[in-house]
């Protein structure tokens, strides 16, 4: 007797994948919103926040990106000091303008 399998319902499988993708997009949007609020960036105007993010995306300085990565890692590690100072910077502008170069001797602190 041949093995009779139930035919796959591709439409149902595709719909399930689409639903899962939608859930993932929604979760990502929620997490980004939580991040904006947790860092205090929600205090910035939308145009400023968009400008800062666009400047960060277009920045090709690997040292600057590494400094941002380190700062972000400290934030996520739960450092209370890092979270309180998330929107602040000793230079006063690096946290707002990703293209601002750090003062001499502070390259790793931005």
PDB file of N, CA and C in Angstrom:
ATOM      1  N   UNK A   1       0.850  -1.180   0.000  1.00  0.00           N
ATOM      2  CA  UNK A   1       0.000   0.000   0.000  1.00  0.00           C
ATOM      3  C   UNK A   1       0.893   1.241   0.000  1.00  0.00           C
ATOM      4  N   UNK A   2       0.725   2.149  -0.963  1.00  0.00           N
ATOM      5  CA  UNK A   2       1.562   3.344  -1.050  1.00  0.00           C
ATOM      6  C   UNK A   2       1.278   4.303   0.113  1.00  0.00           C
ATOM      7  N   UNK A   3       2.335   5.026   0.483  1.00  0.00           N
ATOM      8  CA  UNK A   3       2.213   6.014   1.562  1.00  0.00           C
ATOM      9  C   UNK A   3       1.461   7.236   1.033  1.00  0.00           C
ATOM     10  N   UNK A   4       0.298   7.486   1.568  1.00  0.00           N
ATOM     11  CA  UNK A   4      -0.521   8.626   1.127  1.00  0.00           C
ATOM     12  C   UNK A   4      -0.371   9.762   2.129  1.00  0.00           C
ATOM     13  N   UNK A   5       0.294  10.795   1.701  1.00  0.00           N
ATOM     14  CA  UNK A   5       0.466  11.968   2.564  1.00  0.00           C
ATOM     15  C   UNK A   5      -0.579  13.004   2.224  1.00  0.00           C
ATOM     16  N   UNK A   6      -0.883  13.759   3.231  1.00  0.00           N
ATOM     17  CA  UNK A   6      -1.802  14.866   3.033  1.00  0.00           C
ATOM     18  C   UNK A   6      -1.058  15.938   2.231  1.00  0.00           C
ATOM     19  N   UNK A   7      -1.673  16.463   1.190  1.00  0.00           N
ATOM     20  CA  UNK A   7      -0.987  17.494   0.401  1.00  0.00           C
ATOM     21  C   UNK A   7      -0.756  18.750   1.251  1.00  0.00           C
ATOM     22  N   UNK A   8       0.370  19.409   0.983  1.00  0.00           N
ATOM     23  CA  UNK A   8       0.693  20.639   1.720  1.00  0.00           C
ATOM     24  C   UNK A   8      -0.232  21.757   1.297  1.00  0.00           C
ATOM     25  N   UNK A   9      -0.631  22.513   2.261  1.00  0.00           N
ATOM     26  CA  UNK A   9      -1.474  23.681   2.001  1.00  0.00           C
ATOM     27  C   UNK A   9      -0.551  24.909   1.971  1.00  0.00           C
ATOM     28  N   UNK A  10      -0.035  25.196   0.784  1.00  0.00           N
ATOM     29  CA  UNK A  10       0.937  26.282   0.643  1.00  0.00           C
ATOM     30  C   UNK A  10       0.351  27.639   0.999  1.00  0.00           C
ATOM     31  N   UNK A  11      -0.907  27.838   0.688  1.00  0.00           N
ATOM     32  CA  UNK A  11      -1.530  29.115   1.014  1.00  0.00           C
ATOM     33  C   UNK A  11      -1.560  29.347   2.523  1.00  0.00           C
ATOM     34  N   UNK A  12      -1.900  28.319   3.271  1.00  0.00           N
ATOM     35  CA  UNK A  12      -1.935  28.442   4.728  1.00  0.00           C
ATOM     36  C   UNK A  12      -0.536  28.651   5.287  1.00  0.00           C
ATOM     37  N   UNK A  13       0.445  27.923   4.747  1.00  0.00           N
ATOM     38  CA  UNK A  13       1.826  28.087   5.198  1.00  0.00           C
ATOM     39  C   UNK A  13       2.342  29.493   4.890  1.00  0.00           C
ATOM     40  N   UNK A  14       2.033  29.985   3.711  1.00  0.00           N
ATOM     41  CA  UNK A  14       2.453  31.327   3.330  1.00  0.00           C
ATOM     42  C   UNK A  14       1.800  32.377   4.222  1.00  0.00           C
ATOM     43  N   UNK A  15       0.531  32.196   4.519  1.00  0.00           N
ATOM     44  CA  UNK A  15      -0.166  33.134   5.400  1.00  0.00           C
ATOM     45  C   UNK A  15       0.453  33.113   6.800  1.00  0.00           C
ATOM     46  N   UNK A  16       0.808  31.937   7.283  1.00  0.00           N
ATOM     47  CA  UNK A  16       1.444  31.822   8.596  1.00  0.00           C
ATOM     48  C   UNK A  16       2.794  32.545   8.605  1.00  0.00           C
ATOM     49  N   UNK A  17       3.556  32.399   7.526  1.00  0.00           N
ATOM     50  CA  UNK A  17       4.849  33.102   7.434  1.00  0.00           C
ATOM     51  C   UNK A  17       4.651  34.610   7.377  1.00  0.00           C
ATOM     52  N   UNK A  18       3.656  35.058   6.632  1.00  0.00           N
ATOM     53  CA  UNK A  18       3.357  36.489   6.556  1.00  0.00           C
ATOM     54  C   UNK A  18       2.941  37.033   7.922  1.00  0.00           C
ATOM     55  N   UNK A  19       2.124  36.263   8.638  1.00  0.00           N
ATOM     56  CA  UNK A  19       1.704  36.679   9.979  1.00  0.00           C
ATOM     57  C   UNK A  19       2.899  36.786  10.919  1.00  0.00           C
ATOM     58  N   UNK A  20       3.805  35.809  10.835  1.00  0.00           N
ATOM     59  CA  UNK A  20       5.002  35.818  11.674  1.00  0.00           C
ATOM     60  C   UNK A  20       5.885  37.025  11.336  1.00  0.00           C
ATOM     61  N   UNK A  21       6.044  37.324  10.055  1.00  0.00           N
ATOM     62  CA  UNK A  21       6.842  38.482   9.636  1.00  0.00           C
ATOM     63  C   UNK A  21       6.223  39.773  10.163  1.00  0.00           C
ATOM     64  N   UNK A  22       4.909  39.860  10.125  1.00  0.00           N
ATOM     65  CA  UNK A  22       4.217  41.050  10.638  1.00  0.00           C
ATOM     66  C   UNK A  22       4.437  41.181  12.142  1.00  0.00           C
ATOM     67  N   UNK A  23       4.376  40.080  12.869  1.00  0.00           N
ATOM     68  CA  UNK A  23       4.624  40.102  14.308  1.00  0.00           C
ATOM     69  C   UNK A  23       6.041  40.572  14.611  1.00  0.00           C
ATOM     70  N   UNK A  24       7.009  40.080  13.827  1.00  0.00           N
ATOM     71  CA  UNK A  24       8.396  40.477  14.035  1.00  0.00           C
ATOM     72  C   UNK A  24       8.603  41.965  13.758  1.00  0.00           C
ATOM     73  N   UNK A  25       7.981  42.474  12.678  1.00  0.00           N
ATOM     74  CA  UNK A  25       8.079  43.910  12.381  1.00  0.00           C
ATOM     75  C   UNK A  25       7.470  44.749  13.499  1.00  0.00           C
ATOM     76  N   UNK A  26       6.323  44.321  13.992  1.00  0.00           N
ATOM     77  CA  UNK A  26       5.655  45.048  15.074  1.00  0.00           C
ATOM     78  C   UNK A  26       6.515  45.035  16.331  1.00  0.00           C
ATOM     79  N   UNK A  27       7.098  43.874  16.640  1.00  0.00           N
ATOM     80  CA  UNK A  27       7.957  43.781  17.815  1.00  0.00           C
ATOM     81  C   UNK A  27       9.185  44.671  17.674  1.00  0.00           C
ATOM     82  N   UNK A  28       9.759  44.705  16.492  1.00  0.00           N
ATOM     83  CA  UNK A  28      10.929  45.558  16.249  1.00  0.00           C
ATOM     84  C   UNK A  28      10.568  47.027  16.429  1.00  0.00           C
ATOM     85  N   UNK A  29       9.433  47.442  15.887  1.00  0.00           N
ATOM     86  CA  UNK A  29       8.993  48.830  16.038  1.00  0.00           C
ATOM     87  C   UNK A  29       8.779  49.173  17.508  1.00  0.00           C
ATOM     88  N   UNK A  30       8.172  48.264  18.244  1.00  0.00           N
ATOM     89  CA  UNK A  30       7.944  48.491  19.671  1.00  0.00           C
ATOM     90  C   UNK A  30       9.265  48.611  20.415  1.00  0.00           C
ATOM     91  N   UNK A  31      10.201  47.721  20.124  1.00  0.00           N
ATOM     92  CA  UNK A  31      11.501  47.756  20.788  1.00  0.00           C
ATOM     93  C   UNK A  31      12.246  49.054  20.471  1.00  0.00           C
ATOM     94  N   UNK A  32      12.152  49.517  19.224  1.00  0.00           N
ATOM     95  CA  UNK A  32      12.813  50.777  18.869  1.00  0.00           C
ATOM     96  C   UNK A  32      12.177  51.944  19.622  1.00  0.00           C
ATOM     97  N   UNK A  33      10.870  51.923  19.752  1.00  0.00           N
ATOM     98  CA  UNK A  33      10.187  52.967  20.519  1.00  0.00           C
ATOM     99  C   UNK A  33      10.599  52.955  21.985  1.00  0.00           C
ATOM    100  N   UNK A  34      10.699  51.768  22.555  1.00  0.00           N
ATOM    101  CA  UNK A  34      11.135  51.633  23.947  1.00  0.00           C
ATOM    102  C   UNK A  34      12.563  52.155  24.095  1.00  0.00           C
ATOM    103  N   UNK A  35      13.412  51.843  23.127  1.00  0.00           N
ATOM    104  CA  UNK A  35      14.796  52.305  23.162  1.00  0.00           C
ATOM    105  C   UNK A  35      14.872  53.825  23.106  1.00  0.00           C
ATOM    106  N   UNK A  36      14.094  54.425  22.227  1.00  0.00           N
ATOM    107  CA  UNK A  36      14.082  55.887  22.114  1.00  0.00           C
ATOM    108  C   UNK A  36      13.690  56.507  23.451  1.00  0.00           C
ATOM    109  N   UNK A  37      12.676  55.953  24.093  1.00  0.00           N
ATOM    110  CA  UNK A  37      12.219  56.485  25.373  1.00  0.00           C
ATOM    111  C   UNK A  37      13.248  56.227  26.468  1.00  0.00           C
ATOM    112  N   UNK A  38      13.801  55.011  26.515  1.00  0.00           N
ATOM    113  CA  UNK A  38      14.763  54.659  27.559  1.00  0.00           C
ATOM    114  C   UNK A  38      16.018  55.519  27.508  1.00  0.00           C
ATOM    115  N   UNK A  39      16.436  55.915  26.305  1.00  0.00           N
ATOM    116  CA  UNK A  39      17.636  56.743  26.181  1.00  0.00           C
ATOM    117  C   UNK A  39      17.355  58.218  26.410  1.00  0.00           C
ATOM    118  N   UNK A  40      16.088  58.581  26.458  1.00  0.00           N
ATOM    119  CA  UNK A  40      15.734  59.985  26.618  1.00  0.00           C
ATOM    120  C   UNK A  40      15.650  60.721  25.293  1.00  0.00           C
ATOM    121  N   UNK A  41      15.824  60.003  24.186  1.00  0.00           N
ATOM    122  CA  UNK A  41      15.801  60.631  22.870  1.00  0.00           C
ATOM    123  C   UNK A  41      14.407  61.111  22.496  1.00  0.00           C
ATOM    124  N   UNK A  42      13.386  60.669  23.227  1.00  0.00           N
ATOM    125  CA  UNK A  42      12.033  61.140  22.945  1.00  0.00           C
ATOM    126  C   UNK A  42      11.872  62.613  23.307  1.00  0.00           C
ATOM    127  N   UNK A  43      12.833  63.167  24.042  1.00  0.00           N
ATOM    128  CA  UNK A  43      12.794  64.589  24.379  1.00  0.00           C
ATOM    129  C   UNK A  43      13.224  65.452  23.197  1.00  0.00           C
ATOM    130  N   UNK A  44      13.890  64.846  22.220  1.00  0.00           N
ATOM    131  CA  UNK A  44      14.297  65.580  21.024  1.00  0.00           C
ATOM    132  C   UNK A  44      13.102  65.729  20.094  1.00  0.00           C
ATOM    133  N   UNK A  45      13.099  66.752  19.293  1.00  0.00           N
ATOM    134  CA  UNK A  45      12.074  66.879  18.271  1.00  0.00           C
ATOM    135  C   UNK A  45      12.252  65.781  17.237  1.00  0.00           C
ATOM    136  N   UNK A  46      11.170  65.435  16.556  1.00  0.00           N
ATOM    137  CA  UNK A  46      11.247  64.375  15.553  1.00  0.00           C
ATOM    138  C   UNK A  46      12.255  64.691  14.463  1.00  0.00           C
ATOM    139  N   UNK A  47      12.312  65.955  14.035  1.00  0.00           N
ATOM    140  CA  UNK A  47      13.254  66.327  12.983  1.00  0.00           C
ATOM    141  C   UNK A  47      14.694  66.162  13.451  1.00  0.00           C
ATOM    142  N   UNK A  48      14.961  66.524  14.709  1.00  0.00           N
ATOM    143  CA  UNK A  48      16.317  66.383  15.248  1.00  0.00           C
ATOM    144  C   UNK A  48      16.679  64.909  15.370  1.00  0.00           C
ATOM    145  N   UNK A  49      15.761  64.119  15.918  1.00  0.00           N
ATOM    146  CA  UNK A  49      16.023  62.695  16.066  1.00  0.00           C
ATOM    147  C   UNK A  49      16.270  62.036  14.709  1.00  0.00           C
ATOM    148  N   UNK A  50      15.450  62.377  13.738  1.00  0.00           N
ATOM    149  CA  UNK A  50      15.641  61.827  12.382  1.00  0.00           C
ATOM    150  C   UNK A  50      16.992  62.270  11.819  1.00  0.00           C
ATOM    151  N   UNK A  51      17.342  63.526  12.029  1.00  0.00           N
ATOM    152  CA  UNK A  51      18.628  64.030  11.539  1.00  0.00           C
ATOM    153  C   UNK A  51      19.809  63.326  12.179  1.00  0.00           C
ATOM    154  N   UNK A  52      19.725  63.090  13.482  1.00  0.00           N
ATOM    155  CA  UNK A  52      20.796  62.392  14.186  1.00  0.00           C
ATOM    156  C   UNK A  52      20.945  60.971  13.649  1.00  0.00           C
ATOM    157  N   UNK A  53      19.832  60.289  13.470  1.00  0.00           N
ATOM    158  CA  UNK A  53      19.896  58.911  12.961  1.00  0.00           C
ATOM    159  C   UNK A  53      20.435  58.872  11.535  1.00  0.00           C
ATOM    160  N   UNK A  54      20.006  59.803  10.709  1.00  0.00           N
ATOM    161  CA  UNK A  54      20.515  59.846   9.335  1.00  0.00           C
ATOM    162  C   UNK A  54      22.008  60.146   9.309  1.00  0.00           C
ATOM    163  N   UNK A  55      22.451  61.038  10.179  1.00  0.00           N
ATOM    164  CA  UNK A  55      23.881  61.351  10.256  1.00  0.00           C
ATOM    165  C   UNK A  55      24.673  60.129  10.716  1.00  0.00           C
ATOM    166  N   UNK A  56      24.126  59.371  11.656  1.00  0.00           N
ATOM    167  CA  UNK A  56      24.804  58.169  12.140  1.00  0.00           C
ATOM    168  C   UNK A  56      24.917  57.125  11.030  1.00  0.00           C
ATOM    169  N   UNK A  57      23.868  56.988  10.252  1.00  0.00           N
ATOM    170  CA  UNK A  57      23.879  56.012   9.159  1.00  0.00           C
ATOM    171  C   UNK A  57      24.923  56.383   8.113  1.00  0.00           C
ATOM    172  N   UNK A  58      25.058  57.664   7.839  1.00  0.00           N
ATOM    173  CA  UNK A  58      25.978  58.087   6.784  1.00  0.00           C
ATOM    174  C   UNK A  58      27.422  58.245   7.273  1.00  0.00           C
ATOM    175  N   UNK A  59      27.645  58.134   8.575  1.00  0.00           N
ATOM    176  CA  UNK A  59      28.991  58.283   9.119  1.00  0.00           C
ATOM    177  C   UNK A  59      29.803  57.030   8.818  1.00  0.00           C
ATOM    178  N   UNK A  60      30.965  57.204   8.199  1.00  0.00           N
ATOM    179  CA  UNK A  60      31.811  56.075   7.819  1.00  0.00           C
ATOM    180  C   UNK A  60      33.077  55.965   8.654  1.00  0.00           C
ATOM    181  N   UNK A  61      33.146  56.708   9.762  1.00  0.00           N
ATOM    182  CA  UNK A  61      34.326  56.689  10.621  1.00  0.00           C
ATOM    183  C   UNK A  61      34.258  55.475  11.553  1.00  0.00           C
ATOM    184  N   UNK A  62      35.109  54.462  11.322  1.00  0.00           N
ATOM    185  CA  UNK A  62      35.042  53.257  12.154  1.00  0.00           C
ATOM    186  C   UNK A  62      35.337  53.523  13.630  1.00  0.00           C
ATOM    187  N   UNK A  63      36.198  54.482  13.934  1.00  0.00           N
ATOM    188  CA  UNK A  63      36.490  54.805  15.334  1.00  0.00           C
ATOM    189  C   UNK A  63      35.272  55.403  16.019  1.00  0.00           C
ATOM    190  N   UNK A  64      34.568  56.266  15.302  1.00  0.00           N
ATOM    191  CA  UNK A  64      33.360  56.886  15.847  1.00  0.00           C
ATOM    192  C   UNK A  64      32.294  55.812  16.087  1.00  0.00           C
ATOM    193  N   UNK A  65      32.124  54.923  15.107  1.00  0.00           N
ATOM    194  CA  UNK A  65      31.119  53.858  15.253  1.00  0.00           C
ATOM    195  C   UNK A  65      31.466  52.930  16.411  1.00  0.00           C
ATOM    196  N   UNK A  66      32.741  52.637  16.589  1.00  0.00           N
ATOM    197  CA  UNK A  66      33.158  51.785  17.706  1.00  0.00           C
ATOM    198  C   UNK A  66      32.883  52.475  19.042  1.00  0.00           C
ATOM    199  N   UNK A  67      33.119  53.778  19.090  1.00  0.00           N
ATOM    200  CA  UNK A  67      32.819  54.524  20.318  1.00  0.00           C
ATOM    201  C   UNK A  67      31.320  54.479  20.613  1.00  0.00           C
ATOM    202  N   UNK A  68      30.500  54.628  19.583  1.00  0.00           N
ATOM    203  CA  UNK A  68      29.043  54.540  19.773  1.00  0.00           C
ATOM    204  C   UNK A  68      28.645  53.144  20.215  1.00  0.00           C
ATOM    205  N   UNK A  69      29.266  52.125  19.609  1.00  0.00           N
ATOM    206  CA  UNK A  69      28.953  50.744  19.977  1.00  0.00           C
ATOM    207  C   UNK A  69      29.287  50.484  21.439  1.00  0.00           C
ATOM    208  N   UNK A  70      30.451  50.969  21.879  1.00  0.00           N
ATOM    209  CA  UNK A  70      30.855  50.791  23.277  1.00  0.00           C
ATOM    210  C   UNK A  70      29.874  51.484  24.221  1.00  0.00           C
ATOM    211  N   UNK A  71      29.483  52.666  23.863  1.00  0.00           N
ATOM    212  CA  UNK A  71      28.534  53.414  24.684  1.00  0.00           C
ATOM    213  C   UNK A  71      27.188  52.690  24.741  1.00  0.00           C
ATOM    214  N   UNK A  72      26.743  52.163  23.599  1.00  0.00           N
ATOM    215  CA  UNK A  72      25.495  51.412  23.561  1.00  0.00           C
ATOM    216  C   UNK A  72      25.591  50.127  24.364  1.00  0.00           C
ATOM    217  N   UNK A  73      26.726  49.447  24.276  1.00  0.00           N
ATOM    218  CA  UNK A  73      26.913  48.211  25.040  1.00  0.00           C
ATOM    219  C   UNK A  73      26.840  48.498  26.536  1.00  0.00           C
ATOM    220  N   UNK A  74      27.459  49.592  26.969  1.00  0.00           N
ATOM    221  CA  UNK A  74      27.401  49.965  28.386  1.00  0.00           C
ATOM    222  C   UNK A  74      25.959  50.245  28.800  1.00  0.00           C
ATOM    223  N   UNK A  75      25.207  50.873  27.912  1.00  0.00           N
ATOM    224  CA  UNK A  75      23.798  51.158  28.196  1.00  0.00           C
ATOM    225  C   UNK A  75      23.023  49.863  28.403  1.00  0.00           C
ATOM    226  N   UNK A  76      23.222  48.895  27.506  1.00  0.00           N
ATOM    227  CA  UNK A  76      22.477  47.647  27.580  1.00  0.00           C
ATOM    228  C   UNK A  76      22.954  46.731  28.700  1.00  0.00           C
ATOM    229  N   UNK A  77      24.169  46.935  29.171  1.00  0.00           N
ATOM    230  CA  UNK A  77      24.664  46.123  30.281  1.00  0.00           C
ATOM    231  C   UNK A  77      24.043  46.554  31.596  1.00  0.00           C
ATOM    232  N   UNK A  78      23.218  47.582  31.538  1.00  0.00           N
ATOM    233  CA  UNK A  78      22.476  47.973  32.723  1.00  0.00           C
ATOM    234  C   UNK A  78      23.188  48.951  33.620  1.00  0.00           C
ATOM    235  N   UNK A  79      24.259  49.528  33.150  1.00  0.00           N
ATOM    236  CA  UNK A  79      24.963  50.510  33.946  1.00  0.00           C
ATOM    237  C   UNK A  79      24.034  51.688  34.228  1.00  0.00           C
ATOM    238  N   UNK A  80      23.742  51.910  35.509  1.00  0.00           N
ATOM    239  CA  UNK A  80      22.861  53.017  35.891  1.00  0.00           C
ATOM    240  C   UNK A  80      23.456  54.336  35.441  1.00  0.00           C
ATOM    241  N   UNK A  81      24.760  54.466  35.596  1.00  0.00           N
ATOM    242  CA  UNK A  81      25.435  55.694  35.175  1.00  0.00           C
ATOM    243  C   UNK A  81      25.274  55.895  33.664  1.00  0.00           C
ATOM    244  N   UNK A  82      25.444  54.811  32.893  1.00  0.00           N
ATOM    245  CA  UNK A  82      25.319  54.909  31.436  1.00  0.00           C
ATOM    246  C   UNK A  82      23.896  55.278  31.048  1.00  0.00           C
ATOM    247  N   UNK A  83      22.912  54.728  31.738  1.00  0.00           N
ATOM    248  CA  UNK A  83      21.519  55.039  31.404  1.00  0.00           C
ATOM    249  C   UNK A  83      21.165  56.469  31.762  1.00  0.00           C
ATOM    250  N   UNK A  84      21.651  56.937  32.916  1.00  0.00           N
ATOM    251  CA  UNK A  84      21.352  58.315  33.312  1.00  0.00           C
ATOM    252  C   UNK A  84      21.993  59.315  32.361  1.00  0.00           C
ATOM    253  N   UNK A  85      23.169  58.968  31.846  1.00  0.00           N
ATOM    254  CA  UNK A  85      23.884  59.897  30.979  1.00  0.00           C
ATOM    255  C   UNK A  85      23.680  59.581  29.503  1.00  0.00           C
ATOM    256  N   UNK A  86      22.693  58.765  29.182  1.00  0.00           N
ATOM    257  CA  UNK A  86      22.486  58.325  27.800  1.00  0.00           C
ATOM    258  C   UNK A  86      22.352  59.496  26.842  1.00  0.00           C
ATOM    259  N   UNK A  87      21.641  60.515  27.219  1.00  0.00           N
ATOM    260  CA  UNK A  87      21.446  61.649  26.332  1.00  0.00           C
ATOM    261  C   UNK A  87      22.391  62.790  26.602  1.00  0.00           C
ATOM    262  N   UNK A  88      23.332  62.589  27.517  1.00  0.00           N
ATOM    263  CA  UNK A  88      24.271  63.643  27.883  1.00  0.00           C
ATOM    264  C   UNK A  88      25.665  63.248  27.443  1.00  0.00           C
ATOM    265  N   UNK A  89      26.506  64.232  27.304  1.00  0.00           N
ATOM    266  CA  UNK A  89      27.872  63.951  26.925  1.00  0.00           C
ATOM    267  C   UNK A  89      28.752  65.037  27.501  1.00  0.00           C
ATOM    268  N   UNK A  90      29.951  64.683  27.897  1.00  0.00           N
ATOM    269  CA  UNK A  90      30.872  65.655  28.471  1.00  0.00           C
ATOM    270  C   UNK A  90      31.128  66.806  27.508  1.00  0.00           C
ATOM    271  N   UNK A  91      31.146  66.512  26.214  1.00  0.00           N
ATOM    272  CA  UNK A  91      31.363  67.553  25.219  1.00  0.00           C
ATOM    273  C   UNK A  91      30.106  68.361  24.943  1.00  0.00           C
ATOM    274  N   UNK A  92      28.955  67.846  25.329  1.00  0.00           N
ATOM    275  CA  UNK A  92      27.707  68.570  25.187  1.00  0.00           C
ATOM    276  C   UNK A  92      27.009  68.400  23.854  1.00  0.00           C
ATOM    277  N   UNK A  93      27.739  67.956  22.797  1.00  0.00           N
ATOM    278  CA  UNK A  93      27.090  67.863  21.496  1.00  0.00           C
ATOM    279  C   UNK A  93      27.168  66.491  20.856  1.00  0.00           C
ATOM    280  N   UNK A  94      28.102  65.652  21.252  1.00  0.00           N
ATOM    281  CA  UNK A  94      28.245  64.372  20.584  1.00  0.00           C
ATOM    282  C   UNK A  94      26.985  63.531  20.668  1.00  0.00           C
ATOM    283  N   UNK A  95      26.266  63.585  21.781  1.00  0.00           N
ATOM    284  CA  UNK A  95      25.074  62.763  21.920  1.00  0.00           C
ATOM    285  C   UNK A  95      23.975  63.226  20.975  1.00  0.00           C
ATOM    286  N   UNK A  96      24.028  64.487  20.558  1.00  0.00           N
ATOM    287  CA  UNK A  96      22.998  65.012  19.676  1.00  0.00           C
ATOM    288  C   UNK A  96      23.454  64.979  18.226  1.00  0.00           C
ATOM    289  N   UNK A  97      24.728  65.241  17.967  1.00  0.00           N
ATOM    290  CA  UNK A  97      25.238  65.277  16.600  1.00  0.00           C
ATOM    291  C   UNK A  97      26.263  64.171  16.378  1.00  0.00           C
ATOM    292  N   UNK A  98      25.855  63.071  15.729  1.00  0.00           N
ATOM    293  CA  UNK A  98      26.770  61.950  15.543  1.00  0.00           C
ATOM    294  C   UNK A  98      27.996  62.278  14.714  1.00  0.00           C
ATOM    295  N   UNK A  99      27.983  63.358  13.957  1.00  0.00           N
ATOM    296  CA  UNK A  99      29.138  63.695  13.117  1.00  0.00           C
ATOM    297  C   UNK A  99      30.145  64.575  13.824  1.00  0.00           C
ATOM    298  N   UNK A 100      29.801  65.066  15.007  1.00  0.00           N
ATOM    299  CA  UNK A 100      30.723  65.905  15.735  1.00  0.00           C
ATOM    300  C   UNK A 100      31.911  65.073  16.176  1.00  0.00           C
ATOM    301  N   UNK A 101      33.097  65.558  15.916  1.00  0.00           N
ATOM    302  CA  UNK A 101      34.290  64.838  16.299  1.00  0.00           C
ATOM    303  C   UNK A 101      34.576  65.121  17.768  1.00  0.00           C
ATOM    304  N   UNK A 102      35.063  64.119  18.509  1.00  0.00           N
ATOM    305  CA  UNK A 102      35.349  64.322  19.920  1.00  0.00           C
ATOM    306  C   UNK A 102      36.552  65.245  20.112  1.00  0.00           C
ATOM    307  N   UNK A 103      36.589  65.867  21.267  1.00  0.00           N
ATOM    308  CA  UNK A 103      37.736  66.703  21.594  1.00  0.00           C
ATOM    309  C   UNK A 103      38.957  65.808  21.735  1.00  0.00           C
ATOM    310  N   UNK A 104      40.135  66.370  21.611  1.00  0.00           N
ATOM    311  CA  UNK A 104      41.359  65.593  21.692  1.00  0.00           C
ATOM    312  C   UNK A 104      41.410  64.835  23.019  1.00  0.00           C
ATOM    313  N   UNK A 105      41.749  63.553  22.918  1.00  0.00           N
ATOM    314  CA  UNK A 105      41.867  62.734  24.117  1.00  0.00           C
ATOM    315  C   UNK A 105      40.564  62.107  24.583  1.00  0.00           C
ATOM    316  N   UNK A 106      39.441  62.350  23.873  1.00  0.00           N
ATOM    317  CA  UNK A 106      38.162  61.788  24.315  1.00  0.00           C
ATOM    318  C   UNK A 106      37.549  60.888  23.261  1.00  0.00           C
ATOM    319  N   UNK A 107      38.340  60.402  22.327  1.00  0.00           N
ATOM    320  CA  UNK A 107      37.787  59.618  21.212  1.00  0.00           C
ATOM    321  C   UNK A 107      37.022  58.390  21.662  1.00  0.00           C
ATOM    322  N   UNK A 108      37.431  57.752  22.742  1.00  0.00           N
ATOM    323  CA  UNK A 108      36.754  56.538  23.171  1.00  0.00           C
ATOM    324  C   UNK A 108      35.603  56.758  24.123  1.00  0.00           C
ATOM    325  N   UNK A 109      35.261  58.019  24.434  1.00  0.00           N
ATOM    326  CA  UNK A 109      34.247  58.266  25.435  1.00  0.00           C
ATOM    327  C   UNK A 109      32.934  58.703  24.867  1.00  0.00           C
ATOM    328  N   UNK A 110      32.862  58.969  23.592  1.00  0.00           N
ATOM    329  CA  UNK A 110      31.613  59.459  23.001  1.00  0.00           C
ATOM    330  C   UNK A 110      30.621  58.350  22.805  1.00  0.00           C
TER     331      UNK A 110
END
